[in-house]
């Protein structure tokens, strides 16, 4: 007898419906064959499914079983097909009747005792089922957190094969998940707060501008100046994720099987890969292309400490994602695009020993080594960073004094107000932040006083800045104006923006 069930798989970040056709022949030697470009993990499902059905108390058909995973031209990988295979076999054996479940999707991995285990990529499949207007979705109970935020679809959390069979037979029903309504989240207090950072007011002001306009930042200073502490405190001034941003972030982490409750609480991603990270680890890719660190930092922060220590080829691969907010990974089987709209926060020393220009410690580097060290960062990659800051060493006298400083919450309030002004400005476009504007957008959405433009043009001529830098300075100046509540870019806004543009040696 022939049965049909539906399950799903992911290709990149998108879900794909997979139809599971199971034929249990009345005659023939007992065999179990899976066709439809299954991977080794899918082919091994034969043993998991057979043992799970037997250990659950049902009889495995002692005849020829053929399973087709359609569409057959798409490679199938992973273990999420197990539960649909088992239900298909039981339906073809007339143990269960799937009448009324034609518009349903079944996803889950089976253990040998019939328990249903967690699988990655559930969130894209839930969104796919909702898009396809499916009525019912069965998922592993351990994946319930991912499903709780999606409404308008009936989701049943399944713990075992017997539980879903009893539900289909209407003997013991599974209680459907109740969606949790989305509401603006109040972030919990961070372990790192700007109030605990002594001095560095200039740098903290620049980071506030970066948070408000989603600008990239390069921090350069000697060891112990506070670059890492400032970077770890930076997420505490970022507003919580909005609902659409949360879904974007959660989809990425769901695919790699690392989704926690952080995105659902509004916490923005913060990624800090080691400088030995490979190009594939940073950008994404692999035999089965997966998101890299830049995609895991989507809508959040990518902190690259010891910036010049990263391999030159790895840093150069950041050029296109920084500009476009996405990365395309091409392989023989096709191309996949992953989102990568992040704030780049890079930290470096001024020289190999770290003490070039230090007021109290002498640099021990040979001049040639300093030049070689700085040349590890190319002009094009530095040109794509909006704010370049020199972080000076903290005066030891400030460390022993009591002081009062703004908390991260105070700064975050101003950042959210500035972002609110940007939301109003770009409400009829797909742009979210000032940093995302193109040169044409800058001319369309910004207004500058004549003296502000004159100052910027004078700076471009004197400092030999590129055309890209010219528009970046206007975008930074617009963010400063937003923080000040000014509708037009003034001369003082451009002057402050120019302070954060250090001419690289």
Protein backbone atom coordinates (compact mmCIF):
# COMPACT_ATOMS: atom_id res chain seq x y z
CA UNK A 1 0.00 0.00 0.00
CA UNK A 2 1.14 3.56 -0.74
CA UNK A 3 1.11 6.45 1.76
CA UNK A 4 2.00 10.13 1.56
CA UNK A 5 3.32 12.39 4.32
CA UNK A 6 5.08 15.74 4.24
CA UNK A 7 8.21 16.89 6.00
CA UNK A 8 10.77 19.60 5.28
CA UNK A 9 14.44 20.45 4.95
CA UNK A 10 16.46 23.66 4.78
CA UNK A 11 18.56 24.98 1.93
CA UNK A 12 20.59 27.84 3.33
CA UNK A 13 18.09 29.73 5.48
CA UNK A 14 15.03 28.77 3.45
CA UNK A 15 12.71 25.84 4.11
CA UNK A 16 11.70 23.35 1.41
CA UNK A 17 8.70 21.01 1.54
CA UNK A 18 9.68 17.36 1.06
CA UNK A 19 6.99 14.81 0.23
CA UNK A 20 7.61 11.37 1.71
CA UNK A 21 6.11 8.60 -0.45
CA UNK A 22 6.18 5.17 1.20
CA UNK A 23 5.26 1.97 -0.61
CA UNK A 24 4.96 -1.28 1.34
CA UNK A 25 4.75 -4.08 -1.25
CA UNK A 26 2.63 -7.17 -0.62
CA UNK A 27 5.30 -9.39 -2.15
CA UNK A 28 9.09 -9.38 -2.37
CA UNK A 29 12.09 -9.92 -0.19
CA UNK A 30 12.24 -7.76 2.98
CA UNK A 31 14.25 -4.69 1.96
CA UNK A 32 14.24 -1.02 2.90
CA UNK A 33 15.26 1.43 0.18
CA UNK A 34 15.33 5.24 0.30
CA UNK A 35 15.64 7.19 -2.96
CA UNK A 36 15.60 10.91 -3.73
CA UNK A 37 19.26 11.96 -3.23
CA UNK A 38 19.51 11.01 0.46
CA UNK A 39 22.75 11.70 2.34
CA UNK A 40 24.44 9.12 4.55
CA UNK A 41 22.54 10.47 7.60
CA UNK A 42 19.21 10.06 5.78
CA UNK A 43 20.11 6.57 4.56
CA UNK A 44 20.95 5.55 8.14
CA UNK A 45 17.38 6.50 9.08
CA UNK A 46 16.37 3.02 7.91
CA UNK A 47 17.92 1.43 10.99
CA UNK A 48 16.69 4.13 13.38
CA UNK A 49 13.12 3.97 12.07
CA UNK A 50 12.98 0.17 12.00
CA UNK A 51 14.23 -0.13 15.58
CA UNK A 52 12.06 2.75 16.87
CA UNK A 53 8.90 1.22 15.40
CA UNK A 54 9.70 -2.18 16.91
CA UNK A 55 10.62 -0.78 20.36
CA UNK A 56 7.44 1.31 20.43
CA UNK A 57 5.35 -1.84 20.17
CA UNK A 58 4.31 -1.75 16.52
CA UNK A 59 5.08 -4.33 13.88
CA UNK A 60 7.60 -3.48 11.16
CA UNK A 61 6.37 -4.73 7.76
CA UNK A 62 8.21 -7.89 6.73
CA UNK A 63 8.21 -7.02 3.05
CA UNK A 64 9.76 -4.70 0.51
CA UNK A 65 9.65 -1.02 1.58
CA UNK A 66 10.47 1.76 -0.87
CA UNK A 67 10.64 5.41 0.21
CA UNK A 68 10.87 8.33 -2.20
CA UNK A 69 11.79 11.82 -1.00
CA UNK A 70 10.42 14.32 -3.50
CA UNK A 71 11.49 16.53 -5.19
CA UNK A 72 14.16 13.99 -6.07
CA UNK A 73 16.61 16.50 -7.56
CA UNK A 74 17.30 18.30 -4.24
CA UNK A 75 19.93 16.70 -1.95
CA UNK A 76 18.48 15.62 1.40
CA UNK A 77 20.63 15.71 4.52
CA UNK A 78 20.11 15.58 8.27
CA UNK A 79 17.96 13.49 10.58
CA UNK A 80 14.71 15.47 10.54
CA UNK A 81 13.00 13.00 8.16
CA UNK A 82 12.88 10.12 10.69
CA UNK A 83 9.47 10.82 12.20
CA UNK A 84 7.78 11.36 8.83
CA UNK A 85 9.32 8.12 7.54
CA UNK A 86 8.01 6.16 10.53
CA UNK A 87 4.49 7.61 10.23
CA UNK A 88 4.53 6.93 6.48
CA UNK A 89 5.46 3.27 7.06
CA UNK A 90 2.76 2.87 9.73
CA UNK A 91 0.21 4.48 7.39
CA UNK A 92 1.22 2.24 4.47
CA UNK A 93 0.87 -0.73 6.85
CA UNK A 94 -2.65 0.49 7.75
CA UNK A 95 -1.73 0.92 11.42
CA UNK A 96 -2.68 4.61 11.29
CA UNK A 97 -5.04 6.52 9.00
CA UNK A 98 -3.77 9.89 7.78
CA UNK A 99 -7.13 11.05 6.49
CA UNK A 100 -7.47 14.71 7.49
CA UNK A 101 -3.72 15.18 7.78
CA UNK A 102 -3.01 15.77 4.10
CA UNK A 103 -2.08 19.41 4.81
CA UNK A 104 0.33 18.69 7.64
CA UNK A 105 4.10 18.58 8.13
CA UNK A 106 5.95 16.10 10.36
CA UNK A 107 9.55 16.83 11.48
CA UNK A 108 11.77 15.09 14.00
CA UNK A 109 14.63 12.68 14.67
CA UNK A 110 13.94 9.31 16.26
CA UNK A 111 16.01 7.58 18.90
CA UNK A 112 16.10 3.79 19.03
CA UNK A 113 13.51 3.67 21.84
CA UNK A 114 11.04 5.80 19.88
CA UNK A 115 11.73 9.15 21.58
CA UNK A 116 11.70 12.24 19.34
CA UNK A 117 14.86 14.33 19.47
CA UNK A 118 15.55 17.98 18.73
CA UNK A 119 16.59 18.91 15.18
CA UNK A 120 18.08 22.12 13.73
CA UNK A 121 16.26 24.39 11.30
CA UNK A 122 12.77 24.16 12.82
CA UNK A 123 12.01 27.91 12.60
CA UNK A 124 12.43 28.15 8.79
CA UNK A 125 10.18 25.09 8.45
CA UNK A 126 7.49 26.64 10.68
CA UNK A 127 7.56 29.82 8.59
CA UNK A 128 7.40 27.69 5.44
CA UNK A 129 4.40 25.72 6.72
CA UNK A 130 2.65 28.98 7.58
CA UNK A 131 3.41 30.37 4.12
CA UNK A 132 2.06 27.20 2.45
CA UNK A 133 -1.08 27.49 4.64
CA UNK A 134 -0.62 24.05 6.17
CA UNK A 135 -3.08 23.23 8.92
CA UNK A 136 -0.97 21.12 11.29
CA UNK A 137 2.73 20.89 12.15
CA UNK A 138 4.27 18.18 14.35
CA UNK A 139 7.70 19.08 15.77
CA UNK A 140 9.99 17.75 18.53
CA UNK A 141 8.95 18.97 21.97
CA UNK A 142 12.50 20.24 22.55
CA UNK A 143 12.01 22.70 19.67
CA UNK A 144 8.93 24.29 21.29
CA UNK A 145 10.74 27.56 22.07
CA UNK A 146 11.25 28.24 18.35
CA UNK A 147 7.58 27.65 17.60
CA UNK A 148 6.17 29.68 20.48
CA UNK A 149 6.61 33.03 18.72
CA UNK A 150 4.78 32.01 15.51
CA UNK A 151 0.98 32.31 15.40
CA UNK A 152 -1.76 31.36 12.92
CA UNK A 153 -0.63 27.72 12.66
CA UNK A 154 -1.45 24.66 14.77
CA UNK A 155 1.81 23.28 16.20
CA UNK A 156 1.93 20.05 18.21
CA UNK A 157 5.06 19.26 20.28
CA UNK A 158 5.86 15.54 20.04
CA UNK A 159 7.95 13.63 22.59
CA UNK A 160 7.68 10.10 21.18
CA UNK A 161 6.51 8.07 18.21
CA UNK A 162 3.74 6.50 20.31
CA UNK A 163 2.46 9.95 21.29
CA UNK A 164 1.95 11.11 17.69
CA UNK A 165 0.36 7.77 16.72
CA UNK A 166 -2.10 8.05 19.62
CA UNK A 167 -2.91 11.60 18.54
CA UNK A 168 -3.60 10.57 14.95
CA UNK A 169 -5.77 7.70 16.21
CA UNK A 170 -7.61 10.21 18.45
CA UNK A 171 -6.98 8.09 21.57
CA UNK A 172 -4.79 10.60 23.44
CA UNK A 173 -4.57 14.09 21.98
CA UNK A 174 -1.48 16.28 22.14
CA UNK A 175 -2.07 19.78 23.45
CA UNK A 176 -1.22 22.37 20.81
CA UNK A 177 1.35 25.04 21.58
CA UNK A 178 -0.01 28.41 22.58
CA UNK A 179 1.87 31.21 20.80
CA UNK A 180 3.49 33.75 23.06
CA UNK A 181 2.49 37.28 21.95
CA UNK A 182 5.44 39.41 20.96
CA UNK A 183 5.96 42.54 22.98
CA UNK A 184 8.84 44.94 23.40
CA UNK A 185 11.41 43.28 25.60
CA UNK A 186 13.19 44.93 28.50
CA UNK A 187 16.79 43.82 28.41
CA UNK A 188 18.27 42.45 31.59
CA UNK A 189 21.16 44.33 33.12
CA UNK A 190 24.42 43.56 31.33
CA UNK A 191 27.57 42.39 33.09
CA UNK A 192 29.37 45.25 31.36
CA UNK A 193 28.17 48.84 31.72
CA UNK A 194 29.59 52.15 30.50
CA UNK A 195 29.15 53.48 34.03
CA UNK A 196 32.02 51.25 35.14
CA UNK A 197 34.47 52.58 32.54
CA UNK A 198 36.65 55.36 33.90
CA UNK A 199 37.75 58.01 31.46
CA UNK A 200 37.57 57.41 27.69
CA UNK A 201 34.70 59.89 27.31
CA UNK A 202 35.77 60.62 23.72
CA UNK A 203 35.62 56.92 22.82
CA UNK A 204 32.30 56.36 24.59
CA UNK A 205 30.80 59.29 22.68
CA UNK A 206 31.97 57.75 19.38
CA UNK A 207 30.49 54.37 20.31
CA UNK A 208 27.19 56.09 21.07
CA UNK A 209 27.23 57.53 17.54
CA UNK A 210 28.08 54.07 16.14
CA UNK A 211 25.15 52.49 18.01
CA UNK A 212 22.72 55.19 16.87
CA UNK A 213 23.60 55.03 13.17
CA UNK A 214 24.87 51.40 12.90
CA UNK A 215 28.36 52.58 11.96
CA UNK A 216 31.54 50.47 11.89
CA UNK A 217 34.33 51.38 14.33
CA UNK A 218 38.09 50.83 14.51
CA UNK A 219 39.70 51.23 17.95
CA UNK A 220 43.46 51.68 17.98
CA UNK A 221 45.43 51.98 21.21
CA UNK A 222 48.06 50.42 23.47
CA UNK A 223 47.45 47.29 25.55
CA UNK A 224 45.42 48.00 28.68
CA UNK A 225 43.77 51.15 27.32
CA UNK A 226 40.33 49.52 27.59
CA UNK A 227 39.57 48.55 23.98
CA UNK A 228 38.24 45.12 24.88
CA UNK A 229 36.23 46.41 27.86
CA UNK A 230 34.68 49.14 25.71
CA UNK A 231 33.81 46.56 23.06
CA UNK A 232 32.22 44.16 25.53
CA UNK A 233 30.20 47.04 27.01
CA UNK A 234 29.07 48.24 23.58
CA UNK A 235 26.06 45.84 23.28
CA UNK A 236 24.64 47.31 26.50
CA UNK A 237 23.82 50.57 24.71
CA UNK A 238 22.13 48.89 21.74
CA UNK A 239 18.29 48.83 21.64
CA UNK A 240 16.57 45.43 21.87
CA UNK A 241 15.76 43.51 18.71
CA UNK A 242 12.48 44.35 17.02
CA UNK A 243 10.19 41.50 16.01
CA UNK A 244 11.25 41.28 12.37
CA UNK A 245 14.91 41.51 13.39
CA UNK A 246 14.38 38.79 15.98
CA UNK A 247 12.95 36.46 13.33
CA UNK A 248 15.93 37.13 11.04
CA UNK A 249 18.41 36.35 13.82
CA UNK A 250 16.49 33.35 15.16
CA UNK A 251 16.28 31.81 11.68
CA UNK A 252 20.08 31.86 11.35
CA UNK A 253 20.73 30.31 14.74
CA UNK A 254 17.96 27.76 14.21
CA UNK A 255 19.61 26.45 11.03
CA UNK A 256 22.91 25.76 12.81
CA UNK A 257 21.17 24.32 15.86
CA UNK A 258 22.35 26.99 18.31
CA UNK A 259 19.12 28.87 18.96
CA UNK A 260 18.65 29.96 22.57
CA UNK A 261 16.08 32.25 24.15
CA UNK A 262 18.34 35.31 23.72
CA UNK A 263 16.79 36.55 20.43
CA UNK A 264 13.29 36.10 21.90
CA UNK A 265 14.36 38.34 24.81
CA UNK A 266 15.56 41.01 22.38
CA UNK A 267 19.28 40.40 22.98
CA UNK A 268 21.37 41.36 19.96
CA UNK A 269 24.10 38.95 18.81
CA UNK A 270 27.68 39.62 19.88
CA UNK A 271 30.32 37.53 18.14
CA UNK A 272 34.04 37.65 18.88
CA UNK A 273 35.92 35.09 16.73
CA UNK A 274 39.62 34.42 17.38
CA UNK A 275 42.11 35.83 14.89
CA UNK A 276 42.99 32.27 13.76
CA UNK A 277 39.45 31.85 12.37
CA UNK A 278 39.45 30.63 8.78
CA UNK A 279 37.81 32.40 5.87
CA UNK A 280 34.99 29.83 5.79
CA UNK A 281 34.50 30.21 9.53
CA UNK A 282 34.17 33.98 9.20
CA UNK A 283 32.29 34.32 5.91
CA UNK A 284 30.44 31.01 5.76
CA UNK A 285 30.50 28.10 3.34
CA UNK A 286 31.64 24.51 3.51
CA UNK A 287 30.54 21.41 1.61
CA UNK A 288 26.99 22.03 2.82
CA UNK A 289 27.15 25.86 3.03
CA UNK A 290 26.40 27.16 6.52
CA UNK A 291 26.38 30.73 7.93
CA UNK A 292 29.70 32.11 9.20
CA UNK A 293 30.50 34.51 12.02
CA UNK A 294 29.41 37.57 10.02
CA UNK A 295 25.94 36.07 9.58
CA UNK A 296 25.79 34.97 13.22
CA UNK A 297 26.45 38.64 14.06
CA UNK A 298 23.52 39.80 11.88
CA UNK A 299 21.71 42.77 13.46
CA UNK A 300 24.33 42.76 16.19
CA UNK A 301 28.07 43.23 16.74
CA UNK A 302 31.09 41.50 15.21
CA UNK A 303 34.13 42.22 17.39
CA UNK A 304 37.48 41.47 15.76
CA UNK A 305 40.19 41.84 18.40
CA UNK A 306 43.82 41.99 17.22
CA UNK A 307 42.48 43.13 13.84
CA UNK A 308 45.83 43.07 11.95
CA UNK A 309 46.52 39.52 13.15
CA UNK A 310 43.72 38.12 10.98
CA UNK A 311 45.02 36.71 7.65
CA UNK A 312 44.94 39.28 4.87
CA UNK A 313 42.69 37.10 2.69
CA UNK A 314 40.17 36.75 5.54
CA UNK A 315 39.98 40.51 6.10
CA UNK A 316 39.65 41.26 2.39
CA UNK A 317 36.68 38.90 2.20
CA UNK A 318 34.82 41.31 4.51
CA UNK A 319 34.70 44.06 1.86
CA UNK A 320 31.54 43.00 0.03
CA UNK A 321 29.51 41.96 3.12
CA UNK A 322 30.27 45.28 4.84
CA UNK A 323 28.97 47.17 1.81
CA UNK A 324 25.97 45.01 0.90
CA UNK A 325 24.85 43.59 4.25
CA UNK A 326 24.81 40.07 2.83
CA UNK A 327 27.21 37.41 1.59
CA UNK A 328 26.75 35.03 -1.32
CA UNK A 329 28.45 31.63 -1.09
CA UNK A 330 28.82 29.92 -4.47
CA UNK A 331 29.45 26.20 -4.82
CA UNK A 332 29.14 23.70 -7.65
CA UNK A 333 25.62 22.80 -6.53
CA UNK A 334 24.49 26.45 -6.56
CA UNK A 335 24.65 29.73 -4.68
CA UNK A 336 23.26 30.61 -1.27
CA UNK A 337 22.88 34.08 0.23
CA UNK A 338 23.13 34.73 3.96
CA UNK A 339 22.30 38.07 5.66
CA UNK A 340 25.24 39.89 7.26
CA UNK A 341 24.15 43.35 8.43
CA UNK A 342 26.36 43.88 11.48
CA UNK A 343 28.34 46.58 13.27
CA UNK A 344 32.03 45.83 12.80
CA UNK A 345 33.99 46.65 15.94
CA UNK A 346 37.71 46.19 15.26
CA UNK A 347 40.54 46.68 17.78
CA UNK A 348 44.25 46.87 17.08
CA UNK A 349 47.56 48.05 18.54
CA UNK A 350 49.50 50.91 16.94
CA UNK A 351 52.53 48.63 16.44
CA UNK A 352 53.64 45.04 17.15
CA UNK A 353 54.74 45.83 20.72
CA UNK A 354 51.72 48.10 21.22
CA UNK A 355 53.44 51.14 22.72
CA UNK A 356 54.06 53.42 19.74
CA UNK A 357 53.09 56.94 20.83
CA UNK A 358 52.62 55.91 24.48
CA UNK A 359 53.34 58.87 26.81
CA UNK A 360 55.21 56.76 29.41
CA UNK A 361 56.41 53.57 27.69
CA UNK A 362 58.91 53.42 24.86
CA UNK A 363 58.20 51.53 21.64
CA UNK A 364 60.77 48.78 20.96
CA UNK A 365 59.73 48.07 17.38
CA UNK A 366 62.00 48.53 14.37
CA UNK A 367 60.47 51.17 12.03
CA UNK A 368 60.22 48.65 9.21
CA UNK A 369 58.23 46.29 11.40
CA UNK A 370 55.76 49.06 12.27
CA UNK A 371 55.18 49.75 8.58
CA UNK A 372 54.81 46.06 7.82
CA UNK A 373 52.36 45.66 10.72
CA UNK A 374 50.16 48.51 9.53
CA UNK A 375 50.17 47.30 5.94
CA UNK A 376 48.32 44.18 7.06
CA UNK A 377 45.22 46.39 6.97
CA UNK A 378 44.56 47.48 3.40
CA UNK A 379 43.27 50.91 2.47
CA UNK A 380 39.99 49.56 1.02
CA UNK A 381 39.08 47.70 4.21
CA UNK A 382 39.88 50.75 6.39
CA UNK A 383 37.93 52.97 4.00
CA UNK A 384 34.81 50.92 4.74
CA UNK A 385 35.01 51.72 8.47
CA UNK A 386 33.17 54.91 9.44
CA UNK A 387 34.80 55.81 12.77
CA UNK A 388 38.54 55.53 13.47
CA UNK A 389 39.43 56.18 17.10
CA UNK A 390 42.71 56.44 18.95
CA UNK A 391 42.11 55.08 22.45
CA UNK A 392 44.69 56.66 24.81
CA UNK A 393 45.95 54.96 27.98
CA UNK A 394 43.88 55.83 31.05
CA UNK A 395 45.50 58.20 33.54
CA UNK A 396 46.26 56.21 36.69
CA UNK A 397 44.96 59.08 38.86
CA UNK A 398 41.44 58.51 37.49
CA UNK A 399 41.48 54.86 38.53
CA UNK A 400 41.65 55.63 42.24
CA UNK A 401 39.06 58.39 42.33
CA UNK A 402 35.34 58.12 42.85
CA UNK A 403 33.47 59.25 39.80
CA UNK A 404 30.02 59.49 38.29
CA UNK A 405 29.45 58.40 34.75
CA UNK A 406 26.44 57.85 32.53
CA UNK A 407 24.97 54.38 32.65
CA UNK A 408 24.44 52.31 29.53
CA UNK A 409 20.69 52.72 30.02
CA UNK A 410 21.01 56.53 29.79
CA UNK A 411 23.00 56.25 26.57
CA UNK A 412 20.65 53.61 25.15
CA UNK A 413 17.73 56.00 25.63
CA UNK A 414 19.41 58.61 23.41
CA UNK A 415 20.34 55.93 20.89
CA UNK A 416 16.72 54.78 20.66
CA UNK A 417 15.51 58.35 20.20
CA UNK A 418 18.01 58.86 17.35
CA UNK A 419 16.94 55.60 15.75
CA UNK A 420 13.33 56.73 16.04
CA UNK A 421 14.16 59.80 13.95
CA UNK A 422 15.81 57.57 11.35
CA UNK A 423 12.73 55.33 11.28
CA UNK A 424 10.55 58.33 10.45
CA UNK A 425 13.03 59.51 7.79
CA UNK A 426 13.20 56.14 6.02
CA UNK A 427 9.62 54.95 6.62
CA UNK A 428 8.93 54.69 2.88
CA UNK A 429 12.12 52.81 2.03
CA UNK A 430 13.86 49.57 3.03
CA UNK A 431 16.63 51.53 4.80
CA UNK A 432 16.81 51.26 8.60
CA UNK A 433 19.88 53.27 9.57
CA UNK A 434 21.97 56.15 8.28
CA UNK A 435 24.90 53.83 7.57
CA UNK A 436 22.80 51.89 5.03
CA UNK A 437 22.25 54.91 2.77
CA UNK A 438 23.82 54.93 -0.68
CA UNK A 439 25.27 58.11 -2.15
CA UNK A 440 21.95 58.70 -3.92
CA UNK A 441 20.09 58.17 -0.64
CA UNK A 442 22.34 60.71 1.11
CA UNK A 443 21.32 63.35 -1.44
CA UNK A 444 17.65 62.38 -1.13
CA UNK A 445 17.23 62.03 2.63
CA UNK A 446 19.71 64.48 4.19
CA UNK A 447 19.79 68.25 4.35
CA UNK A 448 23.02 70.11 5.07
CA UNK A 449 23.77 73.73 5.83
CA UNK A 450 26.03 75.40 3.20
CA UNK A 451 28.81 76.01 5.75
CA UNK A 452 28.72 72.30 6.70
CA UNK A 453 29.26 71.24 3.08
CA UNK A 454 32.02 73.83 2.68
CA UNK A 455 33.87 72.45 5.71
CA UNK A 456 33.54 68.88 4.47
CA UNK A 457 34.81 69.76 0.98
CA UNK A 458 37.77 71.58 2.51
CA UNK A 459 38.59 68.51 4.62
CA UNK A 460 38.35 66.19 1.61
CA UNK A 461 40.83 68.32 -0.33
CA UNK A 462 43.29 68.68 2.53
CA UNK A 463 43.18 65.05 3.74
CA UNK A 464 42.82 63.51 0.27
CA UNK A 465 39.75 61.54 1.32
CA UNK A 466 37.94 59.27 -1.14
CA UNK A 467 34.46 59.80 -2.53
CA UNK A 468 33.27 56.92 -0.34
CA UNK A 469 34.67 58.68 2.73
CA UNK A 470 32.95 61.93 1.72
CA UNK A 471 29.53 60.27 1.88
CA UNK A 472 30.46 58.30 5.01
CA UNK A 473 31.24 61.56 6.77
CA UNK A 474 27.85 62.93 5.77
CA UNK A 475 26.16 59.79 7.14
CA UNK A 476 28.05 60.08 10.43
CA UNK A 477 27.22 63.78 10.62
CA UNK A 478 23.55 62.96 10.07
CA UNK A 479 23.66 60.51 12.99
CA UNK A 480 25.23 63.20 15.19
CA UNK A 481 22.45 65.56 14.14
CA UNK A 482 19.87 62.88 15.01
CA UNK A 483 21.37 62.50 18.48
CA UNK A 484 21.16 66.26 18.90
CA UNK A 485 17.57 66.36 17.60
CA UNK A 486 18.54 68.64 14.71
CA UNK A 487 16.69 68.25 11.38
CA UNK A 488 19.63 69.59 9.34
CA UNK A 489 23.35 68.78 9.33
CA UNK A 490 25.21 71.75 10.77
CA UNK A 491 28.86 72.73 10.66
CA UNK A 492 29.53 71.43 14.18
CA UNK A 493 28.13 68.02 13.24
CA UNK A 494 30.55 67.72 10.32
CA UNK A 495 33.40 68.96 12.49
CA UNK A 496 32.73 66.23 15.06
CA UNK A 497 32.43 63.59 12.34
CA UNK A 498 35.84 64.59 10.98
CA UNK A 499 37.40 64.06 14.41
CA UNK A 500 36.68 60.36 14.07
CA UNK A 501 38.47 60.09 10.73
CA UNK A 502 42.13 59.47 11.51
CA UNK A 503 44.37 59.56 8.46
CA UNK A 504 46.08 56.17 8.42
CA UNK A 505 49.83 56.07 7.95
